[in-house]
Amino acid sequence: MGVPFPDLKTLENIAAGIGTNMFEGLQPTKEKIEIYRDCYLGKITKKEALKLMTDKNYE
């Protein structure tokens, strides 16, 4: 989806997390992947990530 990652390990970890959430109905978008990445890297908190996901309603 064109989302850059700092290294392969980060990409693999985030892909695994997104894959697991897809079983629960998550439909990944570029914006959602960017939020997951930023949260994983500590650029935003989990609380901020949740707020972004719910406020923007990325679907």
N, C-alpha and C. Protein backbone atom coordinates (compact mmCIF):
# COMPACT_ATOMS: atom_id res chain seq x y z
N MET A 1 0.82 -1.20 0.00
CA MET A 1 0.00 0.00 0.00
C MET A 1 0.86 1.26 0.00
N GLY A 2 2.15 1.09 -0.14
CA GLY A 2 3.02 2.25 -0.25
C GLY A 2 3.41 2.88 1.08
N VAL A 3 3.25 2.16 2.18
CA VAL A 3 3.63 2.70 3.48
C VAL A 3 5.08 2.31 3.76
N PRO A 4 5.96 3.29 3.97
CA PRO A 4 7.36 2.95 4.23
C PRO A 4 7.58 2.49 5.68
N PHE A 5 8.51 1.57 5.85
CA PHE A 5 8.90 1.06 7.16
C PHE A 5 10.40 1.20 7.31
N PRO A 6 10.87 1.43 8.54
CA PRO A 6 12.30 1.66 8.73
C PRO A 6 13.16 0.42 8.51
N ASP A 7 12.57 -0.76 8.69
CA ASP A 7 13.34 -2.00 8.49
C ASP A 7 12.38 -3.18 8.32
N LEU A 8 12.93 -4.30 7.89
CA LEU A 8 12.13 -5.49 7.61
C LEU A 8 11.47 -6.04 8.86
N LYS A 9 12.16 -6.02 9.99
CA LYS A 9 11.61 -6.55 11.24
C LYS A 9 10.35 -5.78 11.65
N THR A 10 10.37 -4.46 11.52
CA THR A 10 9.19 -3.65 11.84
C THR A 10 8.04 -4.01 10.91
N LEU A 11 8.33 -4.12 9.63
CA LEU A 11 7.30 -4.51 8.66
C LEU A 11 6.69 -5.87 9.01
N GLU A 12 7.52 -6.85 9.33
CA GLU A 12 7.03 -8.18 9.66
C GLU A 12 6.16 -8.16 10.92
N ASN A 13 6.58 -7.44 11.94
CA ASN A 13 5.80 -7.36 13.17
C ASN A 13 4.45 -6.69 12.96
N ILE A 14 4.44 -5.62 12.22
CA ILE A 14 3.18 -4.92 11.96
C ILE A 14 2.28 -5.75 11.06
N ALA A 15 2.84 -6.40 10.06
CA ALA A 15 2.05 -7.27 9.18
C ALA A 15 1.41 -8.41 9.97
N ALA A 16 2.13 -8.97 10.91
CA ALA A 16 1.58 -10.05 11.74
C ALA A 16 0.42 -9.53 12.58
N GLY A 17 0.59 -8.36 13.17
CA GLY A 17 -0.48 -7.77 13.98
C GLY A 17 -1.71 -7.44 13.17
N ILE A 18 -1.51 -6.88 12.00
CA ILE A 18 -2.64 -6.55 11.13
C ILE A 18 -3.33 -7.83 10.66
N GLY A 19 -2.54 -8.84 10.31
CA GLY A 19 -3.11 -10.11 9.88
C GLY A 19 -3.99 -10.72 10.95
N THR A 20 -3.53 -10.68 12.19
CA THR A 20 -4.32 -11.21 13.30
C THR A 20 -5.63 -10.43 13.44
N ASN A 21 -5.56 -9.11 13.33
CA ASN A 21 -6.76 -8.28 13.46
C ASN A 21 -7.72 -8.45 12.29
N MET A 22 -7.21 -8.87 11.14
CA MET A 22 -8.09 -9.10 10.00
C MET A 22 -9.05 -10.26 10.27
N PHE A 23 -8.63 -11.21 11.10
CA PHE A 23 -9.54 -12.30 11.48
C PHE A 23 -10.71 -11.77 12.28
N GLU A 24 -10.53 -10.62 12.91
CA GLU A 24 -11.58 -9.99 13.71
C GLU A 24 -12.38 -8.97 12.90
N GLY A 25 -12.07 -8.86 11.61
CA GLY A 25 -12.85 -7.98 10.75
C GLY A 25 -12.17 -6.70 10.30
N LEU A 26 -10.92 -6.47 10.70
CA LEU A 26 -10.22 -5.26 10.27
C LEU A 26 -10.05 -5.27 8.75
N GLN A 27 -10.36 -4.16 8.13
CA GLN A 27 -10.10 -3.95 6.72
C GLN A 27 -8.96 -2.94 6.63
N PRO A 28 -7.73 -3.41 6.36
CA PRO A 28 -6.60 -2.47 6.38
C PRO A 28 -6.66 -1.46 5.23
N THR A 29 -6.31 -0.23 5.56
CA THR A 29 -6.17 0.84 4.57
C THR A 29 -4.78 1.44 4.77
N LYS A 30 -4.36 2.24 3.85
CA LYS A 30 -3.05 2.89 3.99
C LYS A 30 -3.00 3.70 5.28
N GLU A 31 -4.06 4.43 5.57
CA GLU A 31 -4.09 5.26 6.77
C GLU A 31 -4.00 4.42 8.05
N LYS A 32 -4.71 3.30 8.09
CA LYS A 32 -4.67 2.43 9.27
C LYS A 32 -3.28 1.84 9.46
N ILE A 33 -2.66 1.45 8.38
CA ILE A 33 -1.31 0.87 8.47
C ILE A 33 -0.33 1.93 8.97
N GLU A 34 -0.48 3.16 8.51
CA GLU A 34 0.38 4.24 8.99
C GLU A 34 0.18 4.47 10.49
N ILE A 35 -1.05 4.40 10.96
CA ILE A 35 -1.33 4.58 12.39
C ILE A 35 -0.70 3.43 13.18
N TYR A 36 -0.89 2.20 12.72
CA TYR A 36 -0.27 1.04 13.39
C TYR A 36 1.24 1.21 13.45
N ARG A 37 1.84 1.61 12.33
CA ARG A 37 3.30 1.79 12.28
C ARG A 37 3.76 2.86 13.27
N ASP A 38 3.08 4.00 13.26
CA ASP A 38 3.48 5.09 14.14
C ASP A 38 3.33 4.72 15.61
N CYS A 39 2.30 3.96 15.93
CA CYS A 39 2.11 3.50 17.30
C CYS A 39 3.22 2.52 17.68
N TYR A 40 3.51 1.58 16.80
CA TYR A 40 4.55 0.59 17.04
C TYR A 40 5.91 1.26 17.26
N LEU A 41 6.17 2.30 16.50
CA LEU A 41 7.46 3.00 16.59
C LEU A 41 7.50 4.01 17.74
N GLY A 42 6.39 4.18 18.44
CA GLY A 42 6.36 5.10 19.57
C GLY A 42 6.17 6.56 19.19
N LYS A 43 5.79 6.81 17.95
CA LYS A 43 5.55 8.19 17.53
C LYS A 43 4.22 8.72 18.06
N ILE A 44 3.28 7.80 18.28
CA ILE A 44 2.01 8.14 18.90
C ILE A 44 1.69 7.07 19.95
N THR A 45 0.86 7.42 20.91
CA THR A 45 0.48 6.46 21.94
C THR A 45 -0.66 5.59 21.44
N LYS A 46 -0.93 4.50 22.17
CA LYS A 46 -2.06 3.64 21.83
C LYS A 46 -3.36 4.43 21.91
N LYS A 47 -3.44 5.30 22.91
CA LYS A 47 -4.64 6.12 23.08
C LYS A 47 -4.82 7.05 21.87
N GLU A 48 -3.73 7.65 21.42
CA GLU A 48 -3.81 8.53 20.25
C GLU A 48 -4.18 7.74 19.00
N ALA A 49 -3.64 6.53 18.87
CA ALA A 49 -3.95 5.69 17.71
C ALA A 49 -5.43 5.34 17.69
N LEU A 50 -5.96 4.96 18.83
CA LEU A 50 -7.38 4.62 18.91
C LEU A 50 -8.25 5.83 18.57
N LYS A 51 -7.86 6.98 19.07
CA LYS A 51 -8.61 8.21 18.78
C LYS A 51 -8.59 8.51 17.28
N LEU A 52 -7.43 8.38 16.66
CA LEU A 52 -7.33 8.60 15.22
C LEU A 52 -8.22 7.64 14.45
N MET A 53 -8.20 6.39 14.85
CA MET A 53 -9.01 5.37 14.15
C MET A 53 -10.50 5.66 14.29
N THR A 54 -10.92 6.08 15.46
CA THR A 54 -12.36 6.31 15.67
C THR A 54 -12.80 7.67 15.18
N ASP A 55 -11.98 8.71 15.35
CA ASP A 55 -12.35 10.04 14.91
C ASP A 55 -12.42 10.15 13.38
N LYS A 56 -11.46 9.57 12.73
CA LYS A 56 -11.39 9.68 11.27
C LYS A 56 -12.25 8.62 10.59
N ASN A 57 -12.58 7.56 11.31
CA ASN A 57 -13.39 6.47 10.77
C ASN A 57 -12.80 5.95 9.46
N TYR A 58 -11.53 5.55 9.50
CA TYR A 58 -10.85 5.02 8.32
C TYR A 58 -11.46 3.69 7.92
N GLU A 59 -12.29 3.71 6.90
CA GLU A 59 -12.89 2.47 6.42
C GLU A 59 -12.77 2.38 4.93
